């Protein structure tokens, strides 16, 4: 008998959660639980995160489907430089061409990997794309109009961290870290969709498949994130954040828990401008788009657990060390 992996167990939580909700609603003596402040905060947070992320998941799934149907595999392979450093630089610049939020990045990158993009290049694109694009830069610059150096620092740290992580992955990972479920789509499936209904039908079929495949992990991530936002003791964490390095850990943990979109997190960070060091604000704005709760769920669905944990450690280490080193110049 084979043991269940975490990624097989997690989807079972959804029916369990639904069952608990139905029991609470049907038992009259517990109906008062649905009217308290915690439930209202949870519902507001969950719906807000979900509505913020869904359009970007859909955009990523649509771009992924357009790549699958209209772009031949050899075109992707021809575009990507064969050498490591030019390939990593290419991935950093790719975020300007495809300004996709981190919520829609995973389905798009999965398709690119299936079409021949090396994993280390894909990792750099996942990390840098949601930050190194004109939309996010403009939002950050507007949020810190009186402190433009924070916008420059965000872009610089994101580029440096993504470049370094891509280089480390290139040097240390030799076997494919992809899950089998992420690799099983073949050209025969795409061909069968095209034969049955043409290219337009294939785009809609692939978009729906990608959307529902990644959407279930987004849903779980949103549920967990909303629960964290609801029950997190903000006063205690703020006291911890007043410590010299505690503020960096606090802001990175807050970015992970809140799971904000990269186009809006700068405005949240600006509210801490006079409370926390500038370096910790940069850590918040770089770490969140690279790794938050919902993205962690989707990355673990795309990559094997061991590699995903290794990637999480690299992201944390590079952003934490980089933001601390940047702080004297901010």
Protein backbone atom coordinates (compact mmCIF):
# COMPACT_ATOMS: atom_id res chain seq x y z
CA UNK A 1 0.00 0.00 0.00
CA UNK A 2 1.42 3.36 -0.99
CA UNK A 3 1.36 6.32 1.37
CA UNK A 4 -0.67 9.34 0.42
CA UNK A 5 1.41 12.38 -0.47
CA UNK A 6 0.51 15.81 0.97
CA UNK A 7 -0.73 16.99 -2.41
CA UNK A 8 -3.19 14.03 -2.52
CA UNK A 9 -4.43 14.67 1.00
CA UNK A 10 -4.91 18.46 0.69
CA UNK A 11 -7.76 18.34 -1.91
CA UNK A 12 -9.70 16.14 0.56
CA UNK A 13 -9.87 19.14 2.90
CA UNK A 14 -12.36 20.90 0.64
CA UNK A 15 -15.19 18.33 1.03
CA UNK A 16 -14.42 18.19 4.76
CA UNK A 17 -14.63 21.99 5.02
CA UNK A 18 -17.93 21.99 3.10
CA UNK A 19 -19.33 19.32 5.40
CA UNK A 20 -18.40 21.33 8.49
CA UNK A 21 -20.06 24.44 7.04
CA UNK A 22 -23.27 22.51 6.29
CA UNK A 23 -23.36 21.01 9.81
CA UNK A 24 -22.93 24.44 11.40
CA UNK A 25 -25.67 25.91 9.21
CA UNK A 26 -28.13 23.08 9.88
CA UNK A 27 -27.70 22.99 13.67
CA UNK A 28 -29.84 25.85 15.06
CA UNK A 29 -27.89 26.13 18.31
CA UNK A 30 -24.71 26.96 16.36
CA UNK A 31 -26.17 29.42 13.87
CA UNK A 32 -25.00 32.32 15.99
CA UNK A 33 -21.41 31.46 15.07
CA UNK A 34 -22.09 32.67 11.54
CA UNK A 35 -22.84 36.20 12.70
CA UNK A 36 -19.76 37.01 14.74
CA UNK A 37 -16.95 39.35 13.81
CA UNK A 38 -14.44 36.61 12.99
CA UNK A 39 -16.70 35.01 10.41
CA UNK A 40 -17.39 38.38 8.79
CA UNK A 41 -13.64 39.12 8.61
CA UNK A 42 -12.98 35.65 7.18
CA UNK A 43 -15.67 36.00 4.51
CA UNK A 44 -14.47 39.47 3.52
CA UNK A 45 -10.83 38.40 3.33
CA UNK A 46 -11.57 35.19 1.39
CA UNK A 47 -13.79 36.86 -1.19
CA UNK A 48 -11.37 39.78 -1.59
CA UNK A 49 -8.33 37.54 -2.20
CA UNK A 50 -10.26 35.22 -4.51
CA UNK A 51 -11.73 38.01 -6.64
CA UNK A 52 -8.32 39.69 -6.84
CA UNK A 53 -6.58 36.51 -7.98
CA UNK A 54 -9.15 34.88 -10.31
CA UNK A 55 -8.76 37.32 -13.25
CA UNK A 56 -5.01 36.73 -13.27
CA UNK A 57 -5.41 32.94 -13.08
CA UNK A 58 -7.76 33.18 -16.04
CA UNK A 59 -5.33 35.44 -17.94
CA UNK A 60 -2.49 33.01 -17.27
CA UNK A 61 -4.59 30.04 -18.37
CA UNK A 62 -5.60 31.87 -21.56
CA UNK A 63 -2.00 32.80 -22.40
CA UNK A 64 -1.00 29.21 -21.68
CA UNK A 65 -3.66 27.90 -24.07
CA UNK A 66 -2.69 30.35 -26.82
CA UNK A 67 0.91 29.16 -26.50
CA UNK A 68 -0.20 25.53 -26.65
CA UNK A 69 -2.36 25.93 -29.74
CA UNK A 70 -0.60 28.57 -31.83
CA UNK A 71 3.11 28.46 -30.89
CA UNK A 72 5.10 25.40 -32.05
CA UNK A 73 7.53 23.81 -29.62
CA UNK A 74 10.55 24.56 -31.80
CA UNK A 75 9.79 28.31 -31.68
CA UNK A 76 10.07 28.37 -27.87
CA UNK A 77 13.29 26.36 -28.00
CA UNK A 78 14.74 28.71 -30.62
CA UNK A 79 13.97 31.85 -28.62
CA UNK A 80 15.62 30.72 -25.38
CA UNK A 81 19.41 31.15 -25.23
CA UNK A 82 21.27 27.88 -24.70
CA UNK A 83 23.81 29.26 -22.23
CA UNK A 84 22.84 29.74 -18.58
CA UNK A 85 23.50 33.45 -17.96
CA UNK A 86 21.92 34.72 -21.23
CA UNK A 87 18.97 32.39 -20.55
CA UNK A 88 18.47 33.83 -17.06
CA UNK A 89 18.71 37.39 -18.36
CA UNK A 90 16.20 36.47 -21.08
CA UNK A 91 13.76 35.23 -18.42
CA UNK A 92 14.10 38.48 -16.44
CA UNK A 93 13.31 40.55 -19.53
CA UNK A 94 10.41 38.24 -20.44
CA UNK A 95 8.39 39.71 -17.58
CA UNK A 96 8.22 43.02 -19.47
CA UNK A 97 6.78 41.25 -22.52
CA UNK A 98 4.31 39.14 -20.47
CA UNK A 99 3.26 41.35 -17.52
CA UNK A 100 1.32 38.54 -15.79
CA UNK A 101 0.54 38.71 -12.08
CA UNK A 102 1.97 35.96 -9.90
CA UNK A 103 -1.49 34.37 -9.68
CA UNK A 104 -1.51 33.61 -13.42
CA UNK A 105 2.19 32.80 -13.75
CA UNK A 106 2.07 29.10 -12.83
CA UNK A 107 -0.21 27.82 -15.62
CA UNK A 108 1.69 29.92 -18.17
CA UNK A 109 5.08 28.64 -17.01
CA UNK A 110 3.88 25.04 -16.92
CA UNK A 111 2.99 25.32 -20.59
CA UNK A 112 6.34 26.93 -21.40
CA UNK A 113 8.18 24.08 -19.64
CA UNK A 114 6.18 21.54 -21.62
CA UNK A 115 7.22 23.34 -24.79
CA UNK A 116 10.92 23.14 -23.98
CA UNK A 117 11.77 25.99 -21.62
CA UNK A 118 14.51 24.85 -19.17
CA UNK A 119 13.37 24.65 -15.56
CA UNK A 120 15.95 27.18 -14.31
CA UNK A 121 14.75 29.72 -16.89
CA UNK A 122 11.14 29.04 -15.91
CA UNK A 123 11.98 29.58 -12.22
CA UNK A 124 13.51 32.97 -13.00
CA UNK A 125 10.43 33.93 -15.02
CA UNK A 126 8.12 32.86 -12.15
CA UNK A 127 10.08 34.95 -9.65
CA UNK A 128 10.86 38.05 -11.71
CA UNK A 129 7.83 38.33 -14.00
CA UNK A 130 5.31 39.52 -11.39
CA UNK A 131 7.69 42.32 -10.25
CA UNK A 132 9.86 43.36 -13.19
CA UNK A 133 7.11 44.78 -15.36
CA UNK A 134 5.94 48.35 -16.08
CA UNK A 135 2.59 47.97 -14.30
CA UNK A 136 4.14 46.97 -10.96
CA UNK A 137 6.90 49.56 -11.25
CA UNK A 138 4.33 52.30 -11.87
CA UNK A 139 2.19 51.18 -8.92
CA UNK A 140 5.24 51.06 -6.61
CA UNK A 141 6.45 54.48 -7.76
CA UNK A 142 2.99 55.96 -7.11
CA UNK A 143 2.78 54.36 -3.64
CA UNK A 144 6.19 55.84 -2.69
CA UNK A 145 6.09 59.13 -4.58
CA UNK A 146 8.22 60.82 -1.91
CA UNK A 147 10.61 57.87 -1.62
CA UNK A 148 11.32 56.71 -5.19
CA UNK A 149 14.44 54.88 -4.02
CA UNK A 150 12.16 52.17 -2.63
CA UNK A 151 10.76 51.52 -6.11
CA UNK A 152 14.28 51.27 -7.52
CA UNK A 153 15.34 48.99 -4.65
CA UNK A 154 12.36 46.71 -5.23
CA UNK A 155 13.21 46.25 -8.91
CA UNK A 156 16.92 45.81 -8.19
CA UNK A 157 16.45 43.24 -5.43
CA UNK A 158 13.89 41.29 -7.46
CA UNK A 159 16.29 41.13 -10.41
CA UNK A 160 19.27 40.12 -8.25
CA UNK A 161 17.35 37.49 -6.26
CA UNK A 162 15.77 35.92 -9.35
CA UNK A 163 19.11 35.88 -11.18
CA UNK A 164 20.92 34.27 -8.23
CA UNK A 165 18.21 31.66 -7.61
CA UNK A 166 18.13 30.75 -11.31
CA UNK A 167 21.90 30.32 -11.31
CA UNK A 168 21.79 28.13 -8.18
CA UNK A 169 19.02 25.96 -9.65
CA UNK A 170 21.01 25.61 -12.89
CA UNK A 171 24.12 24.48 -10.97
CA UNK A 172 22.44 22.15 -8.47
CA UNK A 173 19.40 20.59 -10.18
CA UNK A 174 20.17 18.08 -12.93
CA UNK A 175 16.99 15.95 -13.00
CA UNK A 176 13.54 17.24 -13.84
CA UNK A 177 11.76 18.45 -10.67
CA UNK A 178 8.36 18.44 -12.39
CA UNK A 179 5.55 16.32 -11.05
CA UNK A 180 4.34 13.59 -13.37
CA UNK A 181 0.84 15.10 -13.42
CA UNK A 182 2.32 18.35 -14.79
CA UNK A 183 4.17 16.48 -17.54
CA UNK A 184 1.47 14.11 -18.75
CA UNK A 185 -0.10 16.40 -21.34
CA UNK A 186 1.19 15.50 -24.78
CA UNK A 187 0.91 16.76 -28.29
CA UNK A 188 -1.57 13.97 -29.01
CA UNK A 189 -4.05 15.52 -26.57
CA UNK A 190 -3.65 18.92 -28.17
CA UNK A 191 -4.03 17.37 -31.61
CA UNK A 192 -7.20 15.53 -30.60
CA UNK A 193 -8.77 18.78 -29.35
CA UNK A 194 -7.81 20.54 -32.57
CA UNK A 195 -9.21 17.77 -34.74
CA UNK A 196 -12.55 17.74 -32.95
CA UNK A 197 -13.24 21.45 -32.97
CA UNK A 198 -10.50 23.50 -34.53
CA UNK A 199 -8.04 25.87 -32.92
CA UNK A 200 -10.58 28.19 -31.31
CA UNK A 201 -12.25 25.26 -29.56
CA UNK A 202 -8.83 24.00 -28.48
CA UNK A 203 -8.08 27.37 -26.85
CA UNK A 204 -11.31 27.24 -24.81
CA UNK A 205 -10.79 23.58 -23.85
CA UNK A 206 -7.21 24.13 -22.72
CA UNK A 207 -8.14 27.35 -20.88
CA UNK A 208 -10.86 25.60 -18.89
CA UNK A 209 -8.56 22.68 -18.07
CA UNK A 210 -5.76 24.96 -16.88
CA UNK A 211 -8.16 27.20 -14.95
CA UNK A 212 -9.77 24.40 -12.97
CA UNK A 213 -6.46 22.55 -12.48
CA UNK A 214 -4.78 25.55 -10.82
CA UNK A 215 -7.98 27.07 -9.42
CA UNK A 216 -8.45 24.32 -6.83
CA UNK A 217 -5.04 25.10 -5.32
CA UNK A 218 -5.81 28.81 -5.44
CA UNK A 219 -9.05 28.13 -3.57
CA UNK A 220 -7.25 26.20 -0.83
CA UNK A 221 -4.61 28.93 -0.58
CA UNK A 222 -7.29 31.63 -0.30
CA UNK A 223 -9.06 29.72 2.48
CA UNK A 224 -5.86 29.34 4.50
CA UNK A 225 -4.81 32.95 3.84
CA UNK A 226 -8.19 34.31 4.94
CA UNK A 227 -7.97 32.22 8.12
CA UNK A 228 -4.52 33.67 8.87
CA UNK A 229 -5.74 37.21 8.29
CA UNK A 230 -8.70 36.60 10.59
CA UNK A 231 -6.94 35.05 13.58
CA UNK A 232 -3.50 36.68 13.36
CA UNK A 233 -2.74 38.69 16.53
CA UNK A 234 -1.47 41.88 14.91
CA UNK A 235 -0.44 43.70 18.11
CA UNK A 236 1.85 40.89 19.25
CA UNK A 237 3.44 40.56 15.82
CA UNK A 238 3.99 44.32 15.63
CA UNK A 239 5.88 44.16 18.94
CA UNK A 240 8.10 41.41 17.53
CA UNK A 241 8.60 43.49 14.38
CA UNK A 242 10.11 46.27 16.46
CA UNK A 243 13.24 44.18 16.97
CA UNK A 244 16.28 44.93 14.69
CA UNK A 245 15.85 41.91 12.39
CA UNK A 246 12.37 41.07 13.59
CA UNK A 247 10.85 43.71 11.32
CA UNK A 248 12.21 41.89 8.24
CA UNK A 249 10.85 38.55 9.37
CA UNK A 250 7.54 40.15 10.29
CA UNK A 251 7.08 41.91 6.94
CA UNK A 252 8.08 38.80 4.97
CA UNK A 253 5.69 36.69 7.05
CA UNK A 254 2.96 39.27 6.54
CA UNK A 255 3.54 39.22 2.77
CA UNK A 256 3.29 35.42 2.80
CA UNK A 257 0.08 35.47 4.85
CA UNK A 258 -1.74 38.33 3.11
CA UNK A 259 -1.07 36.99 -0.42
CA UNK A 260 -1.57 40.37 -2.05
CA UNK A 261 -1.32 40.99 -5.77
CA UNK A 262 2.01 42.51 -6.86
CA UNK A 263 0.17 45.50 -8.35
CA UNK A 264 -1.36 46.46 -5.00
CA UNK A 265 1.07 45.34 -2.27
CA UNK A 266 3.11 48.55 -2.50
CA UNK A 267 0.15 50.57 -1.20
CA UNK A 268 -0.11 48.24 1.81
CA UNK A 269 3.65 48.53 2.39
CA UNK A 270 3.44 52.32 2.31
CA UNK A 271 1.23 52.27 5.43
CA UNK A 272 4.24 50.89 7.38
CA UNK A 273 6.63 53.55 6.10
CA UNK A 274 7.03 55.35 9.41
CA UNK A 275 6.86 52.20 11.54
CA UNK A 276 9.34 49.76 10.01
CA UNK A 277 12.76 50.14 8.35
CA UNK A 278 12.75 50.78 4.62
CA UNK A 279 14.63 47.54 3.99
CA UNK A 280 11.82 45.50 5.55
CA UNK A 281 9.31 47.21 3.24
CA UNK A 282 11.41 46.18 0.24
CA UNK A 283 11.51 42.62 1.62
CA UNK A 284 7.69 42.70 1.88
CA UNK A 285 7.28 43.86 -1.74
CA UNK A 286 9.76 41.34 -3.16
CA UNK A 287 9.03 38.26 -1.07
CA UNK A 288 5.23 38.41 -1.42
CA UNK A 289 5.05 38.17 -5.25
CA UNK A 290 7.74 35.47 -5.25
CA UNK A 291 6.22 33.34 -2.50
CA UNK A 292 2.91 33.62 -0.71
CA UNK A 293 0.36 31.14 0.57
CA UNK A 294 -1.60 30.60 -2.62
CA UNK A 295 1.52 30.54 -4.81
CA UNK A 296 3.13 27.98 -2.50
CA UNK A 297 0.16 25.68 -3.05
CA UNK A 298 0.37 26.02 -6.83
CA UNK A 299 4.16 25.61 -6.89
CA UNK A 300 3.83 22.38 -4.92
CA UNK A 301 1.30 21.20 -7.49
CA UNK A 302 3.77 21.97 -10.30
CA UNK A 303 7.04 20.74 -8.76
CA UNK A 304 8.01 17.80 -6.60
CA UNK A 305 7.78 18.51 -2.88
CA UNK A 306 11.54 18.27 -2.22
CA UNK A 307 12.36 20.76 -4.99
CA UNK A 308 9.52 23.10 -3.96
CA UNK A 309 10.83 23.25 -0.39
CA UNK A 310 14.35 23.84 -1.70
CA UNK A 311 13.02 26.69 -3.85
CA UNK A 312 11.15 28.19 -0.89
CA UNK A 313 14.37 28.22 1.14
CA UNK A 314 16.31 29.90 -1.68
CA UNK A 315 13.67 32.60 -2.06
CA UNK A 316 13.59 33.32 1.68
CA UNK A 317 17.38 33.40 2.03
CA UNK A 318 18.03 35.60 -1.01
CA UNK A 319 15.30 38.14 -0.21
CA UNK A 320 16.13 38.31 3.50
CA UNK A 321 19.89 38.73 3.02
CA UNK A 322 19.45 41.08 0.07
CA UNK A 323 17.01 43.38 1.87
CA UNK A 324 19.24 43.56 4.97
CA UNK A 325 22.24 44.44 2.82
CA UNK A 326 20.21 47.11 0.98
CA UNK A 327 18.89 48.82 4.10
CA UNK A 328 21.93 51.14 4.75
CA UNK A 329 21.37 52.81 1.35
CA UNK A 330 17.63 53.40 1.80
